[in-house]
Amino acid sequence: MIALVSGCSSAPTDSDAREAAVQYFAENTTAARSGPQQQARFFTATQHPDFADRVCDLGSTTVEFDPALSTLRPDPEFTTAGQVPRGSVWVVAVEVTIREQGRITAHQIGSQHLVLLRGEARGFAPCLS
């Protein structure tokens, strides 16, 4: 799990969010390169607890995110499924690489939301459509 060292401030700073994002995406890459089962464990472990029941089975697919960290910014208006997640919400532009059985099947540009909650970076596991 991703833990942040914080000072006296109750709100995460830009550097807290950047550090958490760097670590989250590095751990995701490591998990994806270790295979679908390892990545599934990563997504389950880092899924925002308010949405723990919304982790999709990706089968033999892995998903890597290459973030453009210069785009990382707070997104307090973000909702998912009509619900505002607990914590401090951040969004970053990402290039997504999807692999099926180790072969690249798609590239996509998009955004990824992360939430800093109780000193940990939490995400929203992708679902393929």
Protein backbone atom coordinates (compact mmCIF):
# COMPACT_ATOMS: atom_id res chain seq x y z
CA MET A 1 0.00 0.00 0.00
CA ILE A 2 1.18 3.51 -0.71
CA ALA A 3 1.78 5.56 2.42
CA LEU A 4 2.58 9.22 2.60
CA VAL A 5 4.58 10.96 5.28
CA SER A 6 2.69 14.09 6.20
CA GLY A 7 3.37 17.05 8.41
CA CYS A 8 0.84 19.00 10.43
CA SER A 9 -1.30 19.99 7.47
CA SER A 10 -4.58 18.08 7.10
CA ALA A 11 -4.84 18.70 3.34
CA PRO A 12 -2.37 16.94 1.03
CA THR A 13 0.03 19.25 -0.76
CA ASP A 14 1.01 19.19 -4.44
CA SER A 15 4.23 17.42 -3.48
CA ASP A 16 2.31 14.83 -1.41
CA ALA A 17 0.08 14.14 -4.40
CA ARG A 18 3.01 14.00 -6.83
CA GLU A 19 4.95 11.58 -4.59
CA ALA A 20 1.90 9.36 -4.18
CA ALA A 21 1.17 9.41 -7.92
CA VAL A 22 4.75 8.52 -8.83
CA GLN A 23 4.68 5.59 -6.42
CA TYR A 24 1.19 4.43 -7.46
CA PHE A 25 2.05 4.37 -11.15
CA ALA A 26 5.44 2.71 -10.53
CA GLU A 27 3.78 -0.03 -8.47
CA ASN A 28 1.11 -0.48 -11.15
CA THR A 29 3.79 -0.86 -13.84
CA THR A 30 5.64 -3.44 -11.75
CA ALA A 31 2.41 -5.35 -11.14
CA ALA A 32 1.40 -5.24 -14.82
CA ARG A 33 4.80 -6.50 -15.93
CA SER A 34 4.48 -9.34 -13.41
CA GLY A 35 1.28 -10.49 -15.08
CA PRO A 36 -2.49 -10.22 -14.88
CA GLN A 37 -2.87 -11.93 -11.49
CA GLN A 38 -0.35 -9.63 -9.82
CA GLN A 39 -1.97 -6.58 -11.36
CA ALA A 40 -5.41 -7.76 -10.22
CA ARG A 41 -4.03 -7.94 -6.66
CA PHE A 42 -2.62 -4.41 -7.05
CA PHE A 43 -5.94 -3.00 -8.30
CA THR A 44 -7.84 -4.71 -5.48
CA ALA A 45 -5.40 -3.49 -2.83
CA THR A 46 -5.41 0.12 -4.09
CA GLN A 47 -9.09 0.44 -5.01
CA HIS A 48 -10.82 3.31 -3.20
CA PRO A 49 -12.66 1.66 -0.27
CA ASP A 50 -15.97 3.35 -1.14
CA PHE A 51 -15.87 1.46 -4.44
CA ALA A 52 -14.25 -1.81 -3.34
CA ASP A 53 -17.04 -3.81 -4.98
CA ARG A 54 -16.34 -2.28 -8.39
CA VAL A 55 -13.12 -4.02 -9.42
CA CYS A 56 -13.45 -5.63 -12.85
CA ASP A 57 -11.93 -8.94 -13.87
CA LEU A 58 -9.45 -8.08 -16.61
CA GLY A 59 -8.72 -11.72 -17.42
CA SER A 60 -5.40 -12.00 -19.25
CA THR A 61 -5.24 -8.24 -19.89
CA THR A 62 -2.84 -5.82 -18.20
CA VAL A 63 -3.10 -2.04 -18.14
CA GLU A 64 -0.14 0.31 -17.78
CA PHE A 65 -0.40 4.05 -17.22
CA ASP A 66 2.30 6.51 -18.24
CA PRO A 67 1.37 9.73 -16.42
CA ALA A 68 2.17 13.27 -17.56
CA LEU A 69 2.90 14.44 -14.02
CA SER A 70 3.01 18.09 -15.06
CA THR A 71 -0.79 17.83 -15.51
CA LEU A 72 -1.47 16.56 -11.96
CA ARG A 73 -4.03 18.81 -10.30
CA PRO A 74 -6.77 18.69 -7.65
CA ASP A 75 -10.23 17.72 -8.92
CA PRO A 76 -12.63 18.34 -6.01
CA GLU A 77 -15.69 18.19 -8.31
CA PHE A 78 -15.00 14.58 -9.41
CA THR A 79 -17.75 12.04 -8.87
CA THR A 80 -18.04 8.42 -9.88
CA ALA A 81 -21.35 6.62 -10.05
CA GLY A 82 -22.88 9.86 -8.74
CA GLN A 83 -20.81 9.72 -5.57
CA VAL A 84 -18.00 12.00 -4.37
CA PRO A 85 -15.19 9.78 -3.05
CA ARG A 86 -13.86 10.48 0.43
CA GLY A 87 -10.39 12.03 0.45
CA SER A 88 -8.51 14.53 -1.66
CA VAL A 89 -9.12 13.83 -5.35
CA TRP A 90 -6.42 14.47 -7.96
CA VAL A 91 -6.41 13.89 -11.72
CA VAL A 92 -3.53 13.39 -14.13
CA ALA A 93 -3.29 12.86 -17.89
CA VAL A 94 -2.05 9.39 -18.81
CA GLU A 95 -1.14 7.32 -21.82
CA VAL A 96 -2.67 3.90 -21.35
CA THR A 97 -1.12 0.75 -22.82
CA ILE A 98 -3.26 -2.36 -22.87
CA ARG A 99 -1.70 -5.78 -23.30
CA GLU A 100 -3.47 -9.04 -23.94
CA GLN A 101 -1.33 -12.07 -23.14
CA GLY A 102 1.74 -9.82 -23.24
CA ARG A 103 1.06 -8.29 -26.67
CA ILE A 104 0.13 -4.61 -27.01
CA THR A 105 -3.44 -4.39 -28.26
CA ALA A 106 -4.19 -0.71 -27.67
CA HIS A 107 -2.84 2.70 -26.71
CA GLN A 108 -5.14 5.40 -25.43
CA ILE A 109 -4.77 8.91 -24.01
CA GLY A 110 -6.98 9.70 -21.05
CA SER A 111 -6.97 10.73 -17.44
CA GLN A 112 -6.68 8.84 -14.19
CA HIS A 113 -8.06 9.93 -10.84
CA LEU A 114 -6.26 9.17 -7.61
CA VAL A 115 -7.51 9.92 -4.12
CA LEU A 116 -5.30 10.62 -1.14
CA LEU A 117 -7.18 9.04 1.76
CA ARG A 118 -5.71 8.63 5.24
CA GLY A 119 -2.20 9.06 3.83
CA GLU A 120 -2.61 6.47 1.05
CA ALA A 121 -3.11 6.82 -2.70
CA ARG A 122 -6.25 5.03 -3.82
CA GLY A 123 -7.46 4.58 -7.37
CA PHE A 124 -10.30 3.25 -9.44
CA ALA A 125 -9.51 -0.01 -11.19
CA PRO A 126 -10.13 0.09 -14.94
CA CYS A 127 -12.87 -1.88 -16.64
CA LEU A 128 -12.46 -2.74 -20.29
CA SER A 129 -15.34 -2.30 -22.68
